[in-house]
Amino acid sequence: MSKIEKKEGLEVHYDTLIAPVITEKSTIASEHNQVVFKTPITATKPQIKEAVEALFKVKVKSVNTMRTKGKNKMFRGHAYTRSTVKKAVVTLEEGHSIDVTTGL
């Protein structure tokens, strides 16, 4: 059992979706009934689908995920590594929409 499955109620769903991703590419995707969220590395597609349906009261058609490995960077002569990020592209059924700018 992972850490996410041990918690109860809506708290699990709030931990599954960290934040919406608001970029130019995600704005273009929203025209095709898609929303992009940042999620924990351990979150699965069924958990993400369940969280979106419970928190936003919408019907999810599909969930696609991608992991972006953290890059090694330099800043003022000091090396650091960006954190690894998992993003979920959630496609909604026709007639459903989420306005991510208003928040929960």
PDB file of N, CA and C in Angstrom:
ATOM      1  N   MET A   1       0.831  -1.185   0.000  1.00  0.00           N
ATOM      2  CA  MET A   1       0.000   0.000   0.000  1.00  0.00           C
ATOM      3  C   MET A   1       0.879   1.253   0.000  1.00  0.00           C
ATOM      4  N   SER A   2       0.536   2.220  -0.847  1.00  0.00           N
ATOM      5  CA  SER A   2       1.306   3.453  -0.872  1.00  0.00           C
ATOM      6  C   SER A   2       0.747   4.441   0.146  1.00  0.00           C
ATOM      7  N   LYS A   3       1.460   5.535   0.347  1.00  0.00           N
ATOM      8  CA  LYS A   3       1.029   6.554   1.297  1.00  0.00           C
ATOM      9  C   LYS A   3      -0.321   7.139   0.913  1.00  0.00           C
ATOM     10  N   ILE A   4      -0.583   7.262  -0.376  1.00  0.00           N
ATOM     11  CA  ILE A   4      -1.814   7.884  -0.842  1.00  0.00           C
ATOM     12  C   ILE A   4      -3.023   7.036  -0.464  1.00  0.00           C
ATOM     13  N   GLU A   5      -2.920   5.710  -0.511  1.00  0.00           N
ATOM     14  CA  GLU A   5      -4.051   4.838  -0.242  1.00  0.00           C
ATOM     15  C   GLU A   5      -4.397   4.740   1.236  1.00  0.00           C
ATOM     16  N   LYS A   6      -3.522   5.152   2.126  1.00  0.00           N
ATOM     17  CA  LYS A   6      -3.755   4.996   3.559  1.00  0.00           C
ATOM     18  C   LYS A   6      -4.684   6.071   4.128  1.00  0.00           C
ATOM     19  N   LYS A   7      -4.797   7.240   3.476  1.00  0.00           N
ATOM     20  CA  LYS A   7      -5.605   8.331   4.007  1.00  0.00           C
ATOM     21  C   LYS A   7      -7.070   8.134   3.658  1.00  0.00           C
ATOM     22  N   GLU A   8      -7.941   8.866   4.316  1.00  0.00           N
ATOM     23  CA  GLU A   8      -9.377   8.696   4.161  1.00  0.00           C
ATOM     24  C   GLU A   8     -10.029   9.916   3.525  1.00  0.00           C
ATOM     25  N   GLY A   9     -11.193   9.699   2.905  1.00  0.00           N
ATOM     26  CA  GLY A   9     -12.049  10.773   2.420  1.00  0.00           C
ATOM     27  C   GLY A   9     -11.446  11.614   1.304  1.00  0.00           C
ATOM     28  N   LEU A  10     -11.870  12.897   1.258  1.00  0.00           N
ATOM     29  CA  LEU A  10     -11.424  13.820   0.214  1.00  0.00           C
ATOM     30  C   LEU A  10      -9.968  14.216   0.363  1.00  0.00           C
ATOM     31  N   GLU A  11      -9.388  14.011   1.533  1.00  0.00           N
ATOM     32  CA  GLU A  11      -7.980  14.349   1.761  1.00  0.00           C
ATOM     33  C   GLU A  11      -7.079  13.608   0.768  1.00  0.00           C
ATOM     34  N   VAL A  12      -7.449  12.389   0.427  1.00  0.00           N
ATOM     35  CA  VAL A  12      -6.690  11.597  -0.536  1.00  0.00           C
ATOM     36  C   VAL A  12      -6.685  12.299  -1.887  1.00  0.00           C
ATOM     37  N   HIS A  13      -7.840  12.823  -2.285  1.00  0.00           N
ATOM     38  CA  HIS A  13      -7.964  13.471  -3.585  1.00  0.00           C
ATOM     39  C   HIS A  13      -7.173  14.770  -3.647  1.00  0.00           C
ATOM     40  N   TYR A  14      -7.155  15.504  -2.544  1.00  0.00           N
ATOM     41  CA  TYR A  14      -6.376  16.749  -2.514  1.00  0.00           C
ATOM     42  C   TYR A  14      -4.878  16.456  -2.601  1.00  0.00           C
ATOM     43  N   ASP A  15      -4.447  15.310  -2.081  1.00  0.00           N
ATOM     44  CA  ASP A  15      -3.037  14.928  -2.167  1.00  0.00           C
ATOM     45  C   ASP A  15      -2.680  14.371  -3.549  1.00  0.00           C
ATOM     46  N   THR A  16      -3.669  13.882  -4.284  1.00  0.00           N
ATOM     47  CA  THR A  16      -3.414  13.310  -5.604  1.00  0.00           C
ATOM     48  C   THR A  16      -3.180  14.392  -6.647  1.00  0.00           C
ATOM     49  N   LEU A  17      -3.894  15.508  -6.554  1.00  0.00           N
ATOM     50  CA  LEU A  17      -3.724  16.617  -7.497  1.00  0.00           C
ATOM     51  C   LEU A  17      -2.998  17.747  -6.783  1.00  0.00           C
ATOM     52  N   ILE A  18      -1.740  17.990  -7.152  1.00  0.00           N
ATOM     53  CA  ILE A  18      -0.951  19.016  -6.474  1.00  0.00           C
ATOM     54  C   ILE A  18      -1.345  20.404  -6.954  1.00  0.00           C
ATOM     55  N   ALA A  19      -1.341  20.606  -8.278  1.00  0.00           N
ATOM     56  CA  ALA A  19      -1.660  21.928  -8.824  1.00  0.00           C
ATOM     57  C   ALA A  19      -1.984  21.801 -10.299  1.00  0.00           C
ATOM     58  N   PRO A  20      -2.791  22.733 -10.825  1.00  0.00           N
ATOM     59  CA  PRO A  20      -2.974  22.749 -12.275  1.00  0.00           C
ATOM     60  C   PRO A  20      -1.738  23.328 -12.950  1.00  0.00           C
ATOM     61  N   VAL A  21      -1.433  22.853 -14.147  1.00  0.00           N
ATOM     62  CA  VAL A  21      -0.310  23.380 -14.912  1.00  0.00           C
ATOM     63  C   VAL A  21      -0.883  24.407 -15.883  1.00  0.00           C
ATOM     64  N   ILE A  22      -0.441  25.663 -15.752  1.00  0.00           N
ATOM     65  CA  ILE A  22      -0.960  26.716 -16.609  1.00  0.00           C
ATOM     66  C   ILE A  22       0.181  27.218 -17.480  1.00  0.00           C
ATOM     67  N   THR A  23       0.224  26.682 -18.705  1.00  0.00           N
ATOM     68  CA  THR A  23       1.221  27.081 -19.687  1.00  0.00           C
ATOM     69  C   THR A  23       0.487  27.347 -20.998  1.00  0.00           C
ATOM     70  N   GLU A  24       1.229  27.811 -21.972  1.00  0.00           N
ATOM     71  CA  GLU A  24       0.625  28.056 -23.279  1.00  0.00           C
ATOM     72  C   GLU A  24       0.103  26.748 -23.882  1.00  0.00           C
ATOM     73  N   LYS A  25       0.863  25.685 -23.728  1.00  0.00           N
ATOM     74  CA  LYS A  25       0.470  24.387 -24.279  1.00  0.00           C
ATOM     75  C   LYS A  25      -0.778  23.833 -23.582  1.00  0.00           C
ATOM     76  N   SER A  26      -0.869  23.988 -22.254  1.00  0.00           N
ATOM     77  CA  SER A  26      -2.042  23.489 -21.539  1.00  0.00           C
ATOM     78  C   SER A  26      -3.282  24.331 -21.841  1.00  0.00           C
ATOM     79  N   THR A  27      -3.088  25.612 -22.158  1.00  0.00           N
ATOM     80  CA  THR A  27      -4.210  26.464 -22.541  1.00  0.00           C
ATOM     81  C   THR A  27      -4.768  26.028 -23.890  1.00  0.00           C
ATOM     82  N   ILE A  28      -3.889  25.659 -24.812  1.00  0.00           N
ATOM     83  CA  ILE A  28      -4.330  25.146 -26.107  1.00  0.00           C
ATOM     84  C   ILE A  28      -5.055  23.816 -25.922  1.00  0.00           C
ATOM     85  N   ALA A  29      -4.571  22.979 -25.007  1.00  0.00           N
ATOM     86  CA  ALA A  29      -5.214  21.689 -24.736  1.00  0.00           C
ATOM     87  C   ALA A  29      -6.609  21.882 -24.143  1.00  0.00           C
ATOM     88  N   SER A  30      -6.821  22.956 -23.380  1.00  0.00           N
ATOM     89  CA  SER A  30      -8.127  23.198 -22.772  1.00  0.00           C
ATOM     90  C   SER A  30      -9.200  23.454 -23.826  1.00  0.00           C
ATOM     91  N   GLU A  31      -8.796  23.892 -25.024  1.00  0.00           N
ATOM     92  CA  GLU A  31      -9.755  24.073 -26.116  1.00  0.00           C
ATOM     93  C   GLU A  31     -10.269  22.729 -26.620  1.00  0.00           C
ATOM     94  N   HIS A  32      -9.519  21.646 -26.352  1.00  0.00           N
ATOM     95  CA  HIS A  32      -9.909  20.295 -26.750  1.00  0.00           C
ATOM     96  C   HIS A  32     -10.433  19.497 -25.563  1.00  0.00           C
ATOM     97  N   ASN A  33     -10.969  20.180 -24.567  1.00  0.00           N
ATOM     98  CA  ASN A  33     -11.579  19.549 -23.388  1.00  0.00           C
ATOM     99  C   ASN A  33     -10.563  18.780 -22.551  1.00  0.00           C
ATOM    100  N   GLN A  34      -9.319  19.291 -22.438  1.00  0.00           N
ATOM    101  CA  GLN A  34      -8.294  18.649 -21.632  1.00  0.00           C
ATOM    102  C   GLN A  34      -7.789  19.614 -20.563  1.00  0.00           C
ATOM    103  N   VAL A  35      -7.414  19.060 -19.414  1.00  0.00           N
ATOM    104  CA  VAL A  35      -6.854  19.841 -18.309  1.00  0.00           C
ATOM    105  C   VAL A  35      -5.575  19.134 -17.864  1.00  0.00           C
ATOM    106  N   VAL A  36      -4.539  19.927 -17.518  1.00  0.00           N
ATOM    107  CA  VAL A  36      -3.250  19.358 -17.113  1.00  0.00           C
ATOM    108  C   VAL A  36      -3.024  19.633 -15.628  1.00  0.00           C
ATOM    109  N   PHE A  37      -2.659  18.595 -14.862  1.00  0.00           N
ATOM    110  CA  PHE A  37      -2.390  18.721 -13.430  1.00  0.00           C
ATOM    111  C   PHE A  37      -1.004  18.180 -13.113  1.00  0.00           C
ATOM    112  N   LYS A  38      -0.367  18.765 -12.105  1.00  0.00           N
ATOM    113  CA  LYS A  38       0.868  18.219 -11.539  1.00  0.00           C
ATOM    114  C   LYS A  38       0.437  17.246 -10.446  1.00  0.00           C
ATOM    115  N   THR A  39       1.048  16.041 -10.452  1.00  0.00           N
ATOM    116  CA  THR A  39       0.663  15.004  -9.500  1.00  0.00           C
ATOM    117  C   THR A  39       1.898  14.407  -8.836  1.00  0.00           C
ATOM    118  N   PRO A  40       1.731  13.684  -7.722  1.00  0.00           N
ATOM    119  CA  PRO A  40       2.870  12.987  -7.125  1.00  0.00           C
ATOM    120  C   PRO A  40       3.374  11.883  -8.063  1.00  0.00           C
ATOM    121  N   ILE A  41       4.639  11.553  -7.931  1.00  0.00           N
ATOM    122  CA  ILE A  41       5.254  10.525  -8.768  1.00  0.00           C
ATOM    123  C   ILE A  41       4.550   9.180  -8.585  1.00  0.00           C
ATOM    124  N   THR A  42       4.015   8.913  -7.393  1.00  0.00           N
ATOM    125  CA  THR A  42       3.407   7.615  -7.092  1.00  0.00           C
ATOM    126  C   THR A  42       1.948   7.510  -7.510  1.00  0.00           C
ATOM    127  N   ALA A  43       1.328   8.587  -7.972  1.00  0.00           N
ATOM    128  CA  ALA A  43      -0.095   8.568  -8.326  1.00  0.00           C
ATOM    129  C   ALA A  43      -0.320   7.740  -9.591  1.00  0.00           C
ATOM    130  N   THR A  44      -1.385   6.944  -9.578  1.00  0.00           N
ATOM    131  CA  THR A  44      -1.724   6.118 -10.733  1.00  0.00           C
ATOM    132  C   THR A  44      -2.867   6.764 -11.517  1.00  0.00           C
ATOM    133  N   LYS A  45      -3.088   6.277 -12.738  1.00  0.00           N
ATOM    134  CA  LYS A  45      -4.152   6.831 -13.576  1.00  0.00           C
ATOM    135  C   LYS A  45      -5.541   6.666 -12.942  1.00  0.00           C
ATOM    136  N   PRO A  46      -5.882   5.506 -12.372  1.00  0.00           N
ATOM    137  CA  PRO A  46      -7.199   5.385 -11.718  1.00  0.00           C
ATOM    138  C   PRO A  46      -7.359   6.335 -10.524  1.00  0.00           C
ATOM    139  N   GLN A  47      -6.289   6.546  -9.761  1.00  0.00           N
ATOM    140  CA  GLN A  47      -6.357   7.480  -8.628  1.00  0.00           C
ATOM    141  C   GLN A  47      -6.574   8.907  -9.114  1.00  0.00           C
ATOM    142  N   ILE A  48      -5.905   9.292 -10.194  1.00  0.00           N
ATOM    143  CA  ILE A  48      -6.050  10.639 -10.743  1.00  0.00           C
ATOM    144  C   ILE A  48      -7.469  10.837 -11.266  1.00  0.00           C
ATOM    145  N   LYS A  49      -7.986   9.844 -11.974  1.00  0.00           N
ATOM    146  CA  LYS A  49      -9.348   9.917 -12.507  1.00  0.00           C
ATOM    147  C   LYS A  49     -10.361  10.069 -11.376  1.00  0.00           C
ATOM    148  N   GLU A  50     -10.226   9.271 -10.341  1.00  0.00           N
ATOM    149  CA  GLU A  50     -11.135   9.311  -9.190  1.00  0.00           C
ATOM    150  C   GLU A  50     -11.083  10.673  -8.497  1.00  0.00           C
ATOM    151  N   ALA A  51      -9.874  11.233  -8.354  1.00  0.00           N
ATOM    152  CA  ALA A  51      -9.712  12.526  -7.681  1.00  0.00           C
ATOM    153  C   ALA A  51     -10.364  13.650  -8.473  1.00  0.00           C
ATOM    154  N   VAL A  52     -10.169  13.673  -9.785  1.00  0.00           N
ATOM    155  CA  VAL A  52     -10.757  14.733 -10.615  1.00  0.00           C
ATOM    156  C   VAL A  52     -12.278  14.637 -10.592  1.00  0.00           C
ATOM    157  N   GLU A  53     -12.809  13.425 -10.704  1.00  0.00           N
ATOM    158  CA  GLU A  53     -14.266  13.256 -10.686  1.00  0.00           C
ATOM    159  C   GLU A  53     -14.863  13.652  -9.338  1.00  0.00           C
ATOM    160  N   ALA A  54     -14.174  13.341  -8.234  1.00  0.00           N
ATOM    161  CA  ALA A  54     -14.701  13.653  -6.903  1.00  0.00           C
ATOM    162  C   ALA A  54     -14.600  15.148  -6.581  1.00  0.00           C
ATOM    163  N   LEU A  55     -13.494  15.783  -6.932  1.00  0.00           N
ATOM    164  CA  LEU A  55     -13.287  17.183  -6.551  1.00  0.00           C
ATOM    165  C   LEU A  55     -14.022  18.168  -7.453  1.00  0.00           C
ATOM    166  N   PHE A  56     -14.089  17.880  -8.753  1.00  0.00           N
ATOM    167  CA  PHE A  56     -14.670  18.842  -9.683  1.00  0.00           C
ATOM    168  C   PHE A  56     -16.058  18.444 -10.174  1.00  0.00           C
ATOM    169  N   LYS A  57     -16.552  17.275  -9.776  1.00  0.00           N
ATOM    170  CA  LYS A  57     -17.878  16.786 -10.166  1.00  0.00           C
ATOM    171  C   LYS A  57     -18.051  16.772 -11.686  1.00  0.00           C
ATOM    172  N   VAL A  58     -17.079  16.170 -12.377  1.00  0.00           N
ATOM    173  CA  VAL A  58     -17.112  16.030 -13.835  1.00  0.00           C
ATOM    174  C   VAL A  58     -16.886  14.567 -14.200  1.00  0.00           C
ATOM    175  N   LYS A  59     -17.132  14.228 -15.461  1.00  0.00           N
ATOM    176  CA  LYS A  59     -16.904  12.865 -15.952  1.00  0.00           C
ATOM    177  C   LYS A  59     -15.620  12.859 -16.767  1.00  0.00           C
ATOM    178  N   VAL A  60     -14.684  11.987 -16.398  1.00  0.00           N
ATOM    179  CA  VAL A  60     -13.381  11.900 -17.062  1.00  0.00           C
ATOM    180  C   VAL A  60     -13.436  10.822 -18.137  1.00  0.00           C
ATOM    181  N   LYS A  61     -12.975  11.181 -19.337  1.00  0.00           N
ATOM    182  CA  LYS A  61     -12.930  10.231 -20.450  1.00  0.00           C
ATOM    183  C   LYS A  61     -11.655   9.406 -20.402  1.00  0.00           C
ATOM    184  N   SER A  62     -10.483  10.078 -20.222  1.00  0.00           N
ATOM    185  CA  SER A  62      -9.207   9.358 -20.156  1.00  0.00           C
ATOM    186  C   SER A  62      -8.173  10.182 -19.406  1.00  0.00           C
ATOM    187  N   VAL A  63      -7.118   9.494 -18.970  1.00  0.00           N
ATOM    188  CA  VAL A  63      -5.997  10.136 -18.282  1.00  0.00           C
ATOM    189  C   VAL A  63      -4.703   9.659 -18.925  1.00  0.00           C
ATOM    190  N   ASN A  64      -3.864  10.593 -19.336  1.00  0.00           N
ATOM    191  CA  ASN A  64      -2.533  10.278 -19.838  1.00  0.00           C
ATOM    192  C   ASN A  64      -1.523  10.923 -18.899  1.00  0.00           C
ATOM    193  N   THR A  65      -0.453  10.191 -18.568  1.00  0.00           N
ATOM    194  CA  THR A  65       0.546  10.736 -17.650  1.00  0.00           C
ATOM    195  C   THR A  65       1.911  10.783 -18.319  1.00  0.00           C
ATOM    196  N   MET A  66       2.752  11.687 -17.811  1.00  0.00           N
ATOM    197  CA  MET A  66       4.128  11.774 -18.292  1.00  0.00           C
ATOM    198  C   MET A  66       5.026  12.162 -17.134  1.00  0.00           C
ATOM    199  N   ARG A  67       6.232  11.606 -17.125  1.00  0.00           N
ATOM    200  CA  ARG A  67       7.229  11.935 -16.107  1.00  0.00           C
ATOM    201  C   ARG A  67       8.354  12.714 -16.769  1.00  0.00           C
ATOM    202  N   THR A  68       8.709  13.837 -16.167  1.00  0.00           N
ATOM    203  CA  THR A  68       9.821  14.643 -16.655  1.00  0.00           C
ATOM    204  C   THR A  68      10.936  14.546 -15.635  1.00  0.00           C
ATOM    205  N   LYS A  69      12.036  13.907 -16.008  1.00  0.00           N
ATOM    206  CA  LYS A  69      13.159  13.735 -15.102  1.00  0.00           C
ATOM    207  C   LYS A  69      13.820  15.074 -14.839  1.00  0.00           C
ATOM    208  N   GLY A  70      14.209  15.330 -13.586  1.00  0.00           N
ATOM    209  CA  GLY A  70      14.855  16.592 -13.215  1.00  0.00           C
ATOM    210  C   GLY A  70      16.206  16.761 -13.877  1.00  0.00           C
ATOM    211  N   LYS A  71      16.442  17.951 -14.406  1.00  0.00           N
ATOM    212  CA  LYS A  71      17.710  18.226 -15.085  1.00  0.00           C
ATOM    213  C   LYS A  71      18.759  18.708 -14.096  1.00  0.00           C
ATOM    214  N   ASN A  72      20.028  18.475 -14.410  1.00  0.00           N
ATOM    215  CA  ASN A  72      21.127  19.043 -13.635  1.00  0.00           C
ATOM    216  C   ASN A  72      21.406  20.435 -14.179  1.00  0.00           C
ATOM    217  N   LYS A  73      21.414  21.441 -13.304  1.00  0.00           N
ATOM    218  CA  LYS A  73      21.592  22.829 -13.721  1.00  0.00           C
ATOM    219  C   LYS A  73      22.681  23.487 -12.877  1.00  0.00           C
ATOM    220  N   MET A  74      23.107  24.662 -13.323  1.00  0.00           N
ATOM    221  CA  MET A  74      24.079  25.474 -12.582  1.00  0.00           C
ATOM    222  C   MET A  74      23.472  26.855 -12.346  1.00  0.00           C
ATOM    223  N   PHE A  75      23.682  27.403 -11.159  1.00  0.00           N
ATOM    224  CA  PHE A  75      23.250  28.761 -10.857  1.00  0.00           C
ATOM    225  C   PHE A  75      24.342  29.426 -10.034  1.00  0.00           C
ATOM    226  N   ARG A  76      24.948  30.453 -10.581  1.00  0.00           N
ATOM    227  CA  ARG A  76      26.032  31.185  -9.915  1.00  0.00           C
ATOM    228  C   ARG A  76      27.143  30.249  -9.441  1.00  0.00           C
ATOM    229  N   GLY A  77      27.465  29.260 -10.258  1.00  0.00           N
ATOM    230  CA  GLY A  77      28.563  28.356  -9.951  1.00  0.00           C
ATOM    231  C   GLY A  77      28.211  27.193  -9.052  1.00  0.00           C
ATOM    232  N   HIS A  78      26.945  27.097  -8.623  1.00  0.00           N
ATOM    233  CA  HIS A  78      26.521  26.000  -7.753  1.00  0.00           C
ATOM    234  C   HIS A  78      25.626  25.049  -8.544  1.00  0.00           C
ATOM    235  N   ALA A  79      25.923  23.779  -8.460  1.00  0.00           N
ATOM    236  CA  ALA A  79      25.132  22.772  -9.162  1.00  0.00           C
ATOM    237  C   ALA A  79      23.912  22.383  -8.331  1.00  0.00           C
ATOM    238  N   TYR A  80      22.811  22.145  -9.013  1.00  0.00           N
ATOM    239  CA  TYR A  80      21.609  21.633  -8.352  1.00  0.00           C
ATOM    240  C   TYR A  80      20.830  20.812  -9.364  1.00  0.00           C
ATOM    241  N   THR A  81      19.850  20.055  -8.880  1.00  0.00           N
ATOM    242  CA  THR A  81      19.017  19.229  -9.748  1.00  0.00           C
ATOM    243  C   THR A  81      17.560  19.633  -9.552  1.00  0.00           C
ATOM    244  N   ARG A  82      16.883  19.891 -10.663  1.00  0.00           N
ATOM    245  CA  ARG A  82      15.449  20.161 -10.598  1.00  0.00           C
ATOM    246  C   ARG A  82      14.739  18.881 -10.170  1.00  0.00           C
ATOM    247  N   SER A  83      13.589  19.009  -9.525  1.00  0.00           N
ATOM    248  CA  SER A  83      12.877  17.816  -9.091  1.00  0.00           C
ATOM    249  C   SER A  83      12.168  17.136 -10.257  1.00  0.00           C
ATOM    250  N   THR A  84      12.040  15.829 -10.148  1.00  0.00           N
ATOM    251  CA  THR A  84      11.317  15.049 -11.142  1.00  0.00           C
ATOM    252  C   THR A  84       9.833  15.320 -10.957  1.00  0.00           C
ATOM    253  N   VAL A  85       9.128  15.530 -12.062  1.00  0.00           N
ATOM    254  CA  VAL A  85       7.727  15.935 -12.021  1.00  0.00           C
ATOM    255  C   VAL A  85       6.889  14.949 -12.822  1.00  0.00           C
ATOM    256  N   LYS A  86       5.688  14.655 -12.323  1.00  0.00           N
ATOM    257  CA  LYS A  86       4.728  13.850 -13.075  1.00  0.00           C
ATOM    258  C   LYS A  86       3.530  14.738 -13.392  1.00  0.00           C
ATOM    259  N   LYS A  87       3.146  14.763 -14.670  1.00  0.00           N
ATOM    260  CA  LYS A  87       1.993  15.551 -15.096  1.00  0.00           C
ATOM    261  C   LYS A  87       0.924  14.618 -15.634  1.00  0.00           C
ATOM    262  N   ALA A  88      -0.329  14.978 -15.411  1.00  0.00           N
ATOM    263  CA  ALA A  88      -1.454  14.192 -15.906  1.00  0.00           C
ATOM    264  C   ALA A  88      -2.293  15.063 -16.826  1.00  0.00           C
ATOM    265  N   VAL A  89      -2.500  14.587 -18.051  1.00  0.00           N
ATOM    266  CA  VAL A  89      -3.392  15.261 -18.995  1.00  0.00           C
ATOM    267  C   VAL A  89      -4.728  14.541 -18.913  1.00  0.00           C
ATOM    268  N   VAL A  90      -5.740  15.231 -18.378  1.00  0.00           N
ATOM    269  CA  VAL A  90      -7.053  14.640 -18.144  1.00  0.00           C
ATOM    270  C   VAL A  90      -7.996  15.111 -19.247  1.00  0.00           C
ATOM    271  N   THR A  91      -8.551  14.164 -20.005  1.00  0.00           N
ATOM    272  CA  THR A  91      -9.524  14.485 -21.047  1.00  0.00           C
ATOM    273  C   THR A  91     -10.912  14.286 -20.460  1.00  0.00           C
ATOM    274  N   LEU A  92     -11.754  15.319 -20.580  1.00  0.00           N
ATOM    275  CA  LEU A  92     -13.100  15.285 -20.019  1.00  0.00           C
ATOM    276  C   LEU A  92     -14.112  14.881 -21.089  1.00  0.00           C
ATOM    277  N   GLU A  93     -15.240  14.321 -20.641  1.00  0.00           N
ATOM    278  CA  GLU A  93     -16.332  13.975 -21.548  1.00  0.00           C
ATOM    279  C   GLU A  93     -16.926  15.250 -22.130  1.00  0.00           C
ATOM    280  N   GLU A  94     -17.611  15.116 -23.261  1.00  0.00           N
ATOM    281  CA  GLU A  94     -18.261  16.263 -23.896  1.00  0.00           C
ATOM    282  C   GLU A  94     -19.279  16.876 -22.934  1.00  0.00           C
ATOM    283  N   GLY A  95     -19.316  18.195 -22.886  1.00  0.00           N
ATOM    284  CA  GLY A  95     -20.270  18.893 -22.027  1.00  0.00           C
ATOM    285  C   GLY A  95     -19.737  19.202 -20.642  1.00  0.00           C
ATOM    286  N   HIS A  96     -18.614  18.632 -20.247  1.00  0.00           N
ATOM    287  CA  HIS A  96     -18.007  18.897 -18.948  1.00  0.00           C
ATOM    288  C   HIS A  96     -16.814  19.832 -19.114  1.00  0.00           C
ATOM    289  N   SER A  97     -16.582  20.676 -18.104  1.00  0.00           N
ATOM    290  CA  SER A  97     -15.412  21.583 -18.162  1.00  0.00           C
ATOM    291  C   SER A  97     -14.976  21.917 -16.749  1.00  0.00           C
ATOM    292  N   ILE A  98     -13.704  22.314 -16.639  1.00  0.00           N
ATOM    293  CA  ILE A  98     -13.110  22.737 -15.367  1.00  0.00           C
ATOM    294  C   ILE A  98     -12.459  24.081 -15.595  1.00  0.00           C
ATOM    295  N   ASP A  99     -12.765  25.049 -14.721  1.00  0.00           N
ATOM    296  CA  ASP A  99     -12.098  26.349 -14.785  1.00  0.00           C
ATOM    297  C   ASP A  99     -10.999  26.349 -13.712  1.00  0.00           C
ATOM    298  N   VAL A 100      -9.755  26.091 -14.104  1.00  0.00           N
ATOM    299  CA  VAL A 100      -8.656  25.952 -13.139  1.00  0.00           C
ATOM    300  C   VAL A 100      -8.202  27.288 -12.568  1.00  0.00           C
ATOM    301  N   THR A 101      -8.619  28.401 -13.162  1.00  0.00           N
ATOM    302  CA  THR A 101      -8.181  29.711 -12.662  1.00  0.00           C
ATOM    303  C   THR A 101      -8.927  30.107 -11.395  1.00  0.00           C
ATOM    304  N   THR A 102     -10.104  29.529 -11.125  1.00  0.00           N
ATOM    305  CA  THR A 102     -10.870  29.899  -9.937  1.00  0.00           C
ATOM    306  C   THR A 102     -10.426  29.155  -8.685  1.00  0.00           C
ATOM    307  N   GLY A 103      -9.831  27.965  -8.842  1.00  0.00           N
ATOM    308  CA  GLY A 103      -9.412  27.172  -7.684  1.00  0.00           C
ATOM    309  C   GLY A 103     -10.534  26.363  -7.106  1.00  0.00           C
ATOM    310  N   LEU A 104     -10.267  25.690  -5.972  1.00  0.00           N
ATOM    311  CA  LEU A 104     -11.286  24.837  -5.329  1.00  0.00           C
ATOM    312  C   LEU A 104     -11.956  25.568  -4.211  1.00  0.00           C
TER     313      LEU A 104
END
